[in-house]
Amino acid sequence: MPAAKALHHLGARVTVVNGPAGDKQHAEAAELEALGIAVRLGDADTLPDGTNLVVTTPGWKPSSPLFAAAGAAGVQVWGDVELAWRLRGPGAAPWLAITGTNGKTTATRMLAAILTAAGLRTAAVGNIGVSLFDVILGDQEGGPYDVLAVELSSYQLHWAPSIRPHSAAVLNLAPDHLDWHGSMAAYAADKGRIYTGNQVACVYNTADPETERLVREADVEEGCRAIGFTLQAPTPSQFGVVDGILVDRAFVEDRQHQAQELAEVADVRPPAPHNIANALAAAALARAYGVRPDAVREGLRAFRPDAHRIAEVAVVDGVTYVDDSKATNTHAAEASLTSYPSVVWLAGGLAKGAEFDALAAAAASRLRAAVLFGADRAVIREALARHAPQVPVVELERTDTGAMSAAVGTARDLAQPGDTVLLAPACASMDMFTNYNQRGDVFAEAVRALAARGGGPEEAGPADHGR
């Protein structure tokens, strides 16, 4: 929608196409047609006559017939991010870009908070927040932007060959969206595009060698540096943690012998290990742009995480209930599970072809029990049986709107004081919920209802107590 409107505003002749349409698509079509934009619903395969350029929404797979038709006709295919990059005017705000399998929204918003604390006019854009087209083509009340914090998905990067960020970070890489990209190698290659043309810093995760490999293979501007981040004490040209302090040993005068204090671990909320890594990556990009050290501390203290990201909902009878519904893949769920010493794990949904053996093995020593639900719960149960046979597992067969309340009630019965009941599904939500936001909201509602009752028993509904 934003791309179509932007192109129409600039005088292009725009035709919007889509496949099978529901009420939402018909409403959007009516809105576009009222502006004079042509809309064709029900045929997403045929290239409209006279097309000079295709601009795709990120979710369309590269194998879509429309793109094959465009290729045969010699028509370029751009993503919305590529279009936005090319529409920037002279003196446009530079981009500090972030991608990764997990954590990119949090890290991007942390970066924006740090830049704001430094007195810079900025916005969190791209895969989140304000539309890039609004930022680039809008009236920009309050003056032009100084710098943009840009989250980029692998889909967006696939269709954005021309972007050249000031500096960029790949937070981590784990198998995800392989049905879209076709292979892990293709997925990683698309993520690595974010480093192309970097001017000052390519920020990578020292705990993830694949991110460093992408830096080594990147075609960057002369003088661009590789900057690592680590949860350990940093070596020169790295950001890290020393005695509970986040430090910069990269953008200091004598990085061989000095480190600059930036913030305390306690300034990061929540101070889970993977979130501290997000903060270090954001700090590295901000420092690459020249932000003063005290602004890093101020920005991290001001930052508040989005909903459904390791968010504490309540403590009931000594048990802490945490909503990490955003943990929609195994990598994110592992980061969440390893943040707590004793967990009753709520998991399940659409596995998207993922395997759960490594996750089950990594979490085994921390699991008090597991409550599984959703379409692909059996895949998780089988992995737990192989790698954590001592862990009690309860499967919930029901998929109605009360299933989450039943899961919370079951978890309450399994938990002991000091435990964490953790919703970290490791799966997509669309088998039972509209999206991960609704799944997290329903979990939080069930927990608050439990707290209001004082933690008393509730009928859990049909379940298969497998072990």
Protein backbone atom coordinates (compact mmCIF):
# COMPACT_ATOMS: atom_id res chain seq x y z
CA MET A 1 0.00 0.00 0.00
CA PRO A 2 2.66 2.62 0.91
CA ALA A 3 4.71 1.78 -2.20
CA ALA A 4 1.70 2.03 -4.49
CA LYS A 5 0.68 5.36 -3.01
CA ALA A 6 4.22 6.73 -3.20
CA LEU A 7 4.63 5.78 -6.85
CA HIS A 8 1.21 7.18 -7.74
CA HIS A 9 2.06 10.43 -5.96
CA LEU A 10 5.24 10.68 -8.04
CA GLY A 11 3.24 10.36 -11.27
CA ALA A 12 3.75 6.70 -12.14
CA ARG A 13 0.99 4.62 -13.72
CA VAL A 14 0.43 1.98 -11.06
CA THR A 15 -1.37 -1.37 -11.24
CA VAL A 16 -1.67 -3.36 -8.02
CA VAL A 17 -2.15 -7.13 -8.35
CA ASN A 18 -3.01 -9.76 -5.79
CA GLY A 19 -4.26 -13.33 -5.70
CA PRO A 20 -7.36 -14.62 -3.90
CA ALA A 21 -8.85 -11.74 -1.94
CA GLY A 22 -10.82 -11.43 1.26
CA ASP A 23 -12.57 -8.52 2.93
CA LYS A 24 -9.29 -6.83 3.86
CA GLN A 25 -7.95 -6.93 0.30
CA HIS A 26 -11.21 -5.63 -1.16
CA ALA A 27 -11.20 -2.74 1.32
CA GLU A 28 -7.61 -1.87 0.41
CA ALA A 29 -8.46 -2.12 -3.29
CA ALA A 30 -11.33 0.34 -2.84
CA GLU A 31 -8.97 2.75 -1.08
CA LEU A 32 -6.42 2.56 -3.89
CA GLU A 33 -9.01 2.84 -6.65
CA ALA A 34 -10.37 5.99 -5.03
CA LEU A 35 -6.91 7.50 -5.59
CA GLY A 36 -6.92 6.50 -9.27
CA ILE A 37 -4.72 3.41 -8.88
CA ALA A 38 -5.71 0.34 -10.89
CA VAL A 39 -6.22 -2.85 -8.89
CA ARG A 40 -6.45 -6.40 -10.21
CA LEU A 41 -7.54 -9.04 -7.69
CA GLY A 42 -7.61 -12.77 -8.35
CA ASP A 43 -4.71 -12.89 -10.82
CA ALA A 44 -1.28 -12.66 -9.22
CA ASP A 45 0.55 -14.50 -12.01
CA THR A 46 0.14 -12.36 -15.14
CA LEU A 47 2.38 -9.36 -15.80
CA PRO A 48 0.19 -6.36 -16.73
CA ASP A 49 0.76 -5.04 -20.25
CA GLY A 50 3.19 -2.14 -20.47
CA THR A 51 4.90 -2.84 -17.14
CA ASN A 52 8.32 -1.20 -16.78
CA LEU A 53 9.01 -2.14 -13.15
CA VAL A 54 7.68 -4.64 -10.61
CA VAL A 55 7.73 -3.65 -6.93
CA THR A 56 6.98 -6.60 -4.70
CA THR A 57 5.73 -6.94 -1.18
CA PRO A 58 8.41 -8.89 0.76
CA GLY A 59 6.33 -12.00 1.38
CA TRP A 60 6.02 -13.09 -2.27
CA LYS A 61 8.41 -15.95 -2.98
CA PRO A 62 11.08 -15.49 -5.65
CA SER A 63 9.56 -18.48 -7.46
CA SER A 64 6.25 -16.65 -8.05
CA PRO A 65 5.12 -16.85 -11.70
CA LEU A 66 4.81 -13.07 -11.94
CA PHE A 67 8.55 -12.69 -11.36
CA ALA A 68 9.32 -15.31 -13.99
CA ALA A 69 7.16 -13.35 -16.40
CA ALA A 70 8.98 -10.14 -15.46
CA GLY A 71 12.35 -11.79 -16.03
CA ALA A 72 11.28 -13.08 -19.44
CA ALA A 73 10.17 -9.56 -20.37
CA GLY A 74 13.39 -7.94 -19.11
CA VAL A 75 11.53 -6.11 -16.34
CA GLN A 76 13.35 -5.49 -13.05
CA VAL A 77 11.88 -6.61 -9.73
CA TRP A 78 12.50 -4.41 -6.68
CA GLY A 79 11.31 -4.67 -3.11
CA ASP A 80 9.76 -1.79 -1.19
CA VAL A 81 13.10 -1.15 0.57
CA GLU A 82 14.94 -0.95 -2.76
CA LEU A 83 12.37 1.53 -4.04
CA ALA A 84 12.64 3.63 -0.90
CA TRP A 85 16.45 3.66 -1.16
CA ARG A 86 16.31 4.86 -4.77
CA LEU A 87 13.77 7.59 -3.93
CA ARG A 88 16.05 9.26 -1.39
CA GLY A 89 17.05 12.78 -2.29
CA PRO A 90 20.42 14.56 -2.01
CA GLY A 91 21.71 14.72 1.55
CA ALA A 92 19.33 11.99 2.70
CA ALA A 93 19.76 10.56 6.17
CA PRO A 94 22.23 7.66 6.31
CA TRP A 95 20.99 4.20 7.32
CA LEU A 96 22.22 2.17 10.28
CA ALA A 97 20.82 -1.23 9.37
CA ILE A 98 20.13 -4.36 11.41
CA THR A 99 19.13 -7.89 10.48
CA GLY A 100 19.33 -11.35 12.05
CA THR A 101 17.14 -14.35 12.64
CA ASN A 102 16.10 -13.05 16.06
CA GLY A 103 16.29 -9.82 18.01
CA LYS A 104 16.32 -7.37 15.11
CA THR A 105 13.23 -5.40 16.16
CA THR A 106 14.50 -5.04 19.73
CA ALA A 107 18.00 -4.07 18.62
CA THR A 108 16.65 -1.55 16.08
CA ARG A 109 14.43 0.10 18.67
CA MET A 110 17.33 0.16 21.14
CA LEU A 111 19.43 1.86 18.47
CA ALA A 112 16.73 4.45 17.83
CA ALA A 113 16.49 5.13 21.59
CA ILE A 114 20.26 5.67 21.78
CA LEU A 115 20.29 7.97 18.76
CA THR A 116 17.41 9.97 20.26
CA ALA A 117 19.28 10.26 23.56
CA ALA A 118 22.20 11.69 21.58
CA GLY A 119 19.93 14.50 20.35
CA LEU A 120 19.61 13.15 16.82
CA ARG A 121 16.36 13.18 14.86
CA THR A 122 15.73 9.56 13.96
CA ALA A 123 13.07 6.89 13.44
CA ALA A 124 12.91 3.10 13.62
CA VAL A 125 11.84 2.09 10.11
CA GLY A 126 11.94 -0.70 7.54
CA ASN A 127 10.41 -3.91 8.81
CA ILE A 128 8.92 -2.01 11.78
CA GLY A 129 7.61 1.34 12.86
CA VAL A 130 7.14 4.24 10.49
CA SER A 131 6.91 3.51 6.75
CA LEU A 132 10.14 4.23 4.92
CA PHE A 133 8.12 6.10 2.30
CA ASP A 134 6.60 8.39 4.92
CA VAL A 135 10.08 9.19 6.23
CA ILE A 136 11.65 9.70 2.81
CA LEU A 137 8.80 11.44 0.97
CA GLY A 138 6.83 12.98 3.84
CA ASP A 139 6.79 16.62 4.88
CA GLN A 140 9.08 15.76 7.82
CA GLU A 141 7.59 18.20 10.27
CA GLY A 142 10.30 19.10 12.72
CA GLY A 143 13.03 19.07 10.10
CA PRO A 144 14.92 16.41 8.15
CA TYR A 145 16.10 13.22 9.79
CA ASP A 146 19.74 12.97 10.85
CA VAL A 147 20.03 9.19 10.68
CA LEU A 148 17.65 6.21 10.42
CA ALA A 149 17.61 2.96 12.39
CA VAL A 150 16.51 0.43 9.76
CA GLU A 151 15.37 -3.13 10.47
CA LEU A 152 15.61 -5.35 7.40
CA SER A 153 14.24 -8.85 6.96
CA SER A 154 15.81 -11.48 4.75
CA TYR A 155 12.86 -11.05 2.36
CA GLN A 156 13.50 -7.33 2.06
CA LEU A 157 17.23 -7.79 1.58
CA HIS A 158 16.66 -10.33 -1.19
CA TRP A 159 14.89 -7.67 -3.25
CA ALA A 160 17.22 -4.76 -2.34
CA PRO A 161 20.46 -5.02 -4.37
CA SER A 162 21.36 -1.32 -4.26
CA ILE A 163 21.17 -0.32 -0.60
CA ARG A 164 24.45 0.84 0.94
CA PRO A 165 24.11 1.44 4.70
CA HIS A 166 26.49 3.64 6.66
CA SER A 167 27.02 0.65 8.98
CA ALA A 168 25.14 -2.60 9.57
CA ALA A 169 24.83 -5.55 11.92
CA VAL A 170 23.83 -9.20 11.53
CA LEU A 171 22.83 -10.28 15.04
CA ASN A 172 22.70 -14.05 14.52
CA LEU A 173 21.81 -16.70 11.96
CA ALA A 174 19.72 -19.84 12.45
CA PRO A 175 17.50 -21.83 10.08
CA ASP A 176 14.30 -19.90 9.36
CA HIS A 177 12.11 -19.16 6.33
CA LEU A 178 13.87 -21.91 4.40
CA ASP A 179 10.65 -22.63 2.52
CA TRP A 180 10.93 -19.10 1.08
CA HIS A 181 14.68 -18.97 0.42
CA GLY A 182 15.11 -22.60 -0.62
CA SER A 183 18.22 -23.32 1.47
CA MET A 184 20.20 -22.13 4.47
CA ALA A 185 22.96 -20.93 2.15
CA ALA A 186 20.51 -18.73 0.22
CA TYR A 187 19.01 -17.41 3.45
CA ALA A 188 22.45 -16.48 4.81
CA ALA A 189 23.46 -14.88 1.52
CA ASP A 190 20.41 -12.63 1.58
CA LYS A 191 21.14 -11.63 5.17
CA GLY A 192 24.74 -10.87 4.18
CA ARG A 193 23.59 -8.32 1.57
CA ILE A 194 23.20 -5.86 4.45
CA TYR A 195 27.00 -5.48 4.66
CA THR A 196 27.42 -4.53 1.00
CA GLY A 197 28.86 -1.03 0.63
CA ASN A 198 29.14 -0.36 4.37
CA GLN A 199 31.23 2.72 5.02
CA VAL A 200 32.29 2.61 8.68
CA ALA A 201 31.46 -0.65 10.46
CA CYS A 202 30.24 -4.19 9.80
CA VAL A 203 29.05 -5.42 13.20
CA TYR A 204 28.96 -9.18 13.80
CA ASN A 205 28.35 -11.67 16.61
CA THR A 206 31.57 -13.35 17.80
CA ALA A 207 29.50 -16.27 19.12
CA ASP A 208 28.10 -16.89 15.62
CA PRO A 209 30.94 -17.59 13.16
CA GLU A 210 28.55 -17.40 10.21
CA THR A 211 28.01 -13.67 10.83
CA GLU A 212 31.76 -13.10 10.78
CA ARG A 213 32.04 -15.08 7.54
CA LEU A 214 29.49 -12.77 5.95
CA VAL A 215 31.62 -9.79 6.98
CA ARG A 216 34.76 -11.32 5.50
CA GLU A 217 33.00 -11.91 2.19
CA ALA A 218 31.33 -8.49 2.00
CA ASP A 219 32.27 -5.87 -0.58
CA VAL A 220 32.60 -2.76 1.60
CA GLU A 221 33.98 0.75 1.27
CA GLU A 222 37.71 1.23 1.82
CA GLY A 223 38.40 1.69 5.54
CA CYS A 224 35.23 -0.02 6.77
CA ARG A 225 35.99 -2.05 9.91
CA ALA A 226 34.79 -5.40 11.26
CA ILE A 227 33.45 -4.85 14.78
CA GLY A 228 32.51 -7.84 16.92
CA PHE A 229 30.25 -8.01 19.96
CA THR A 230 30.54 -10.59 22.72
CA LEU A 231 29.07 -11.35 26.13
CA GLN A 232 32.65 -11.90 27.33
CA ALA A 233 35.50 -9.44 27.87
CA PRO A 234 36.20 -7.86 24.46
CA THR A 235 39.44 -7.88 22.54
CA PRO A 236 40.48 -4.85 20.44
CA SER A 237 37.79 -3.82 17.90
CA GLN A 238 35.05 -5.46 19.92
CA PHE A 239 32.20 -4.53 22.26
CA GLY A 240 31.69 -6.72 25.32
CA VAL A 241 30.97 -7.09 29.01
CA VAL A 242 33.43 -6.66 31.88
CA ASP A 243 32.25 -7.04 35.49
CA GLY A 244 28.67 -6.22 34.63
CA ILE A 245 29.64 -3.22 32.46
CA LEU A 246 29.01 -2.88 28.70
CA VAL A 247 32.22 -1.56 27.17
CA ASP A 248 33.51 -0.31 23.83
CA ARG A 249 37.00 -1.40 22.82
CA ALA A 250 36.57 -0.44 19.19
CA PHE A 251 35.87 3.30 18.91
CA VAL A 252 38.41 4.49 21.46
CA GLU A 253 41.73 6.23 20.98
CA ASP A 254 43.89 3.32 22.16
CA ARG A 255 41.85 0.16 21.65
CA GLN A 256 44.86 -2.04 22.42
CA HIS A 257 44.94 -0.87 26.03
CA GLN A 258 41.69 1.01 26.74
CA ALA A 259 37.96 0.37 26.90
CA GLN A 260 35.15 2.92 27.20
CA GLU A 261 32.37 2.23 29.72
CA LEU A 262 28.96 2.58 28.07
CA ALA A 263 26.30 1.21 30.43
CA GLU A 264 25.63 -1.41 33.07
CA VAL A 265 23.99 -4.75 32.40
CA ALA A 266 21.24 -3.54 34.75
CA ASP A 267 20.47 -0.74 32.28
CA VAL A 268 19.30 -3.37 29.75
CA ARG A 269 15.71 -4.51 30.19
CA PRO A 270 15.26 -7.39 30.46
CA PRO A 271 18.92 -8.30 31.18
CA ALA A 272 18.69 -11.72 29.51
CA PRO A 273 21.87 -12.76 27.68
CA HIS A 274 20.41 -12.47 24.18
CA ASN A 275 19.03 -9.04 25.03
CA ILE A 276 22.42 -7.87 26.28
CA ALA A 277 23.78 -9.00 22.90
CA ASN A 278 21.10 -6.87 21.21
CA ALA A 279 22.17 -3.88 23.30
CA LEU A 280 25.84 -4.37 22.40
CA ALA A 281 25.04 -4.50 18.68
CA ALA A 282 22.92 -1.36 18.92
CA ALA A 283 25.66 0.39 20.88
CA ALA A 284 28.26 -0.59 18.28
CA LEU A 285 26.22 0.92 15.44
CA ALA A 286 25.55 4.08 17.43
CA ARG A 287 29.24 4.48 18.28
CA ALA A 288 30.13 3.84 14.61
CA TYR A 289 27.99 6.89 13.86
CA GLY A 290 29.88 8.93 16.47
CA VAL A 291 27.38 8.88 19.33
CA ARG A 292 28.87 9.84 22.69
CA PRO A 293 29.17 7.13 25.38
CA ASP A 294 26.69 8.62 27.86
CA ALA A 295 23.94 8.58 25.22
CA VAL A 296 24.23 4.79 25.04
CA ARG A 297 23.43 4.53 28.74
CA GLU A 298 20.61 7.08 28.51
CA GLY A 299 19.09 5.36 25.48
CA LEU A 300 19.18 1.87 26.98
CA ARG A 301 17.62 3.13 30.20
CA ALA A 302 14.84 4.84 28.24
CA PHE A 303 14.13 1.81 26.04
CA ARG A 304 11.10 -0.33 26.74
CA PRO A 305 10.78 -3.67 24.91
CA ASP A 306 7.78 -4.36 22.69
CA ALA A 307 5.05 -6.64 23.94
CA HIS A 308 5.45 -10.41 23.80
CA ARG A 309 9.24 -10.36 24.10
CA ILE A 310 10.26 -12.05 27.38
CA ALA A 311 7.74 -9.83 29.16
CA GLU A 312 6.93 -10.66 32.78
CA VAL A 313 3.15 -10.84 33.16
CA ALA A 314 2.71 -11.67 36.85
CA VAL A 315 4.05 -13.60 39.83
CA VAL A 316 1.46 -15.99 41.27
CA ASP A 317 2.21 -18.17 44.31
CA GLY A 318 5.94 -17.64 43.83
CA VAL A 319 5.87 -18.63 40.15
CA THR A 320 6.79 -16.06 37.48
CA TYR A 321 4.78 -16.08 34.25
CA VAL A 322 6.64 -14.76 31.18
CA ASP A 323 5.26 -14.00 27.70
CA ASP A 324 7.73 -14.58 24.88
CA SER A 325 5.15 -15.31 22.19
CA LYS A 326 7.49 -13.62 19.68
CA ALA A 327 9.78 -16.67 20.01
CA THR A 328 8.40 -18.18 16.80
CA ASN A 329 11.42 -20.34 15.94
CA THR A 330 13.78 -22.68 17.78
CA HIS A 331 16.67 -20.20 17.96
CA ALA A 332 14.54 -17.57 19.70
CA ALA A 333 13.01 -20.15 22.04
CA GLU A 334 16.46 -21.44 23.05
CA ALA A 335 17.61 -17.92 23.91
CA SER A 336 14.53 -17.48 26.05
CA LEU A 337 14.68 -20.88 27.77
CA THR A 338 18.34 -20.50 28.69
CA SER A 339 17.57 -17.21 30.45
CA TYR A 340 15.84 -18.98 33.36
CA PRO A 341 17.08 -21.74 35.68
CA SER A 342 13.86 -23.73 36.12
CA VAL A 343 11.09 -23.57 33.51
CA VAL A 344 7.65 -24.96 32.82
CA TRP A 345 7.67 -24.52 29.05
CA LEU A 346 4.57 -23.73 26.98
CA ALA A 347 5.29 -24.53 23.34
CA GLY A 348 3.75 -25.53 20.03
CA GLY A 349 2.00 -24.27 16.92
CA LEU A 350 3.18 -24.42 13.31
CA ALA A 351 6.75 -25.72 13.19
CA LYS A 352 7.43 -24.47 9.61
CA GLY A 353 9.52 -27.58 8.96
CA ALA A 354 11.86 -26.92 11.90
CA GLU A 355 13.65 -29.62 13.87
CA PHE A 356 13.67 -29.49 17.68
CA ASP A 357 16.42 -31.88 18.76
CA ALA A 358 19.06 -29.22 19.41
CA LEU A 359 16.56 -27.09 21.31
CA ALA A 360 15.40 -30.01 23.47
CA ALA A 361 19.00 -30.94 24.28
CA ALA A 362 19.95 -27.36 25.15
CA ALA A 363 16.94 -26.84 27.41
CA ALA A 364 16.78 -30.28 29.07
CA SER A 365 18.57 -29.35 32.29
CA ARG A 366 16.33 -26.30 32.83
CA LEU A 367 12.94 -27.88 32.23
CA ARG A 368 10.65 -28.69 35.14
CA ALA A 369 7.96 -29.75 32.65
CA ALA A 370 6.52 -28.94 29.23
CA VAL A 371 2.95 -28.19 28.16
CA LEU A 372 2.50 -28.65 24.40
CA PHE A 373 -0.32 -27.48 22.15
CA GLY A 374 -1.01 -26.74 18.49
CA ALA A 375 -0.75 -28.52 15.18
CA ASP A 376 2.88 -29.66 15.39
CA ARG A 377 3.15 -30.39 19.11
CA ALA A 378 4.09 -34.02 18.42
CA VAL A 379 7.37 -32.95 16.79
CA ILE A 380 8.41 -31.20 20.00
CA ARG A 381 7.22 -34.11 22.16
CA GLU A 382 9.32 -36.56 20.14
CA ALA A 383 12.43 -34.35 20.47
CA LEU A 384 11.92 -34.09 24.23
CA ALA A 385 11.50 -37.86 24.47
CA ARG A 386 14.88 -38.31 22.77
CA HIS A 387 16.84 -35.64 24.63
CA ALA A 388 14.95 -34.94 27.88
CA PRO A 389 13.12 -38.17 28.77
CA GLN A 390 13.03 -37.19 32.44
CA VAL A 391 10.88 -34.10 31.73
CA PRO A 392 7.12 -34.50 32.31
CA VAL A 393 5.20 -33.60 29.16
CA VAL A 394 1.50 -32.77 28.87
CA GLU A 395 -0.12 -32.47 25.45
CA LEU A 396 -3.32 -30.46 25.04
CA GLU A 397 -5.54 -31.68 22.25
CA ARG A 398 -8.03 -28.82 22.28
CA THR A 399 -7.57 -25.96 19.79
CA ASP A 400 -10.50 -23.74 20.78
CA THR A 401 -10.17 -20.30 22.33
CA GLY A 402 -9.88 -21.79 25.81
CA ALA A 403 -6.80 -23.83 24.97
CA MET A 404 -4.35 -21.23 26.28
CA SER A 405 -6.22 -20.93 29.56
CA ALA A 406 -6.02 -24.71 29.86
CA ALA A 407 -2.28 -24.58 29.15
CA VAL A 408 -1.74 -21.95 31.84
CA GLY A 409 -3.81 -23.96 34.31
CA THR A 410 -1.82 -27.10 33.57
CA ALA A 411 1.47 -25.20 33.92
CA ARG A 412 0.32 -23.86 37.29
CA ASP A 413 -0.18 -27.43 38.52
CA LEU A 414 3.28 -28.46 37.35
CA ALA A 415 5.24 -25.41 38.60
CA GLN A 416 6.89 -24.95 41.98
CA PRO A 417 7.77 -21.68 43.76
CA GLY A 418 10.80 -20.13 42.09
CA ASP A 419 9.94 -21.58 38.68
CA THR A 420 9.17 -19.63 35.52
CA VAL A 421 6.17 -20.55 33.39
CA LEU A 422 7.45 -19.49 29.98
CA LEU A 423 5.44 -19.08 26.79
CA ALA A 424 8.19 -19.49 24.17
CA PRO A 425 6.36 -21.52 21.50
CA ALA A 426 9.24 -22.03 19.03
CA CYS A 427 6.50 -22.13 16.38
CA ALA A 428 4.29 -19.82 14.37
CA SER A 429 0.84 -19.10 15.76
CA MET A 430 -1.55 -19.22 12.81
CA ASP A 431 -2.91 -22.70 13.52
CA MET A 432 -4.76 -21.40 16.60
CA PHE A 433 -4.36 -17.61 16.63
CA THR A 434 -4.37 -14.66 14.24
CA ASN A 435 -0.71 -13.92 15.01
CA TYR A 436 1.84 -14.11 17.81
CA ASN A 437 0.46 -10.90 19.32
CA GLN A 438 -2.96 -12.46 19.87
CA ARG A 439 -1.33 -15.61 21.25
CA GLY A 440 0.61 -13.54 23.78
CA ASP A 441 -2.43 -11.46 24.67
CA VAL A 442 -4.50 -14.58 25.36
CA PHE A 443 -1.69 -16.00 27.50
CA ALA A 444 -1.47 -12.76 29.51
CA GLU A 445 -5.25 -12.72 29.97
CA ALA A 446 -5.17 -16.29 31.29
CA VAL A 447 -2.34 -15.47 33.69
CA ARG A 448 -4.13 -12.38 35.01
CA ALA A 449 -7.29 -14.42 35.50
CA LEU A 450 -5.22 -16.95 37.44
CA ALA A 451 -3.75 -14.16 39.58
CA ALA A 452 -7.22 -12.71 40.25
CA ARG A 453 -8.35 -16.12 41.55
CA GLY A 454 -5.30 -16.31 43.74
CA GLY A 455 -3.84 -19.20 41.78
CA GLY A 456 -6.69 -21.59 42.58
CA PRO A 457 -7.42 -24.69 40.51
CA GLU A 458 -9.30 -24.55 37.24
CA GLU A 459 -10.59 -27.28 34.95
CA ALA A 460 -7.89 -27.79 32.34
CA GLY A 461 -9.96 -29.60 29.73
CA PRO A 462 -9.04 -32.69 27.69
CA ALA A 463 -5.36 -33.52 27.74
CA ASP A 464 -3.08 -36.46 27.05
CA HIS A 465 -0.65 -36.79 29.95
CA GLY A 466 1.86 -38.67 27.86
CA ARG A 467 4.65 -38.95 30.44
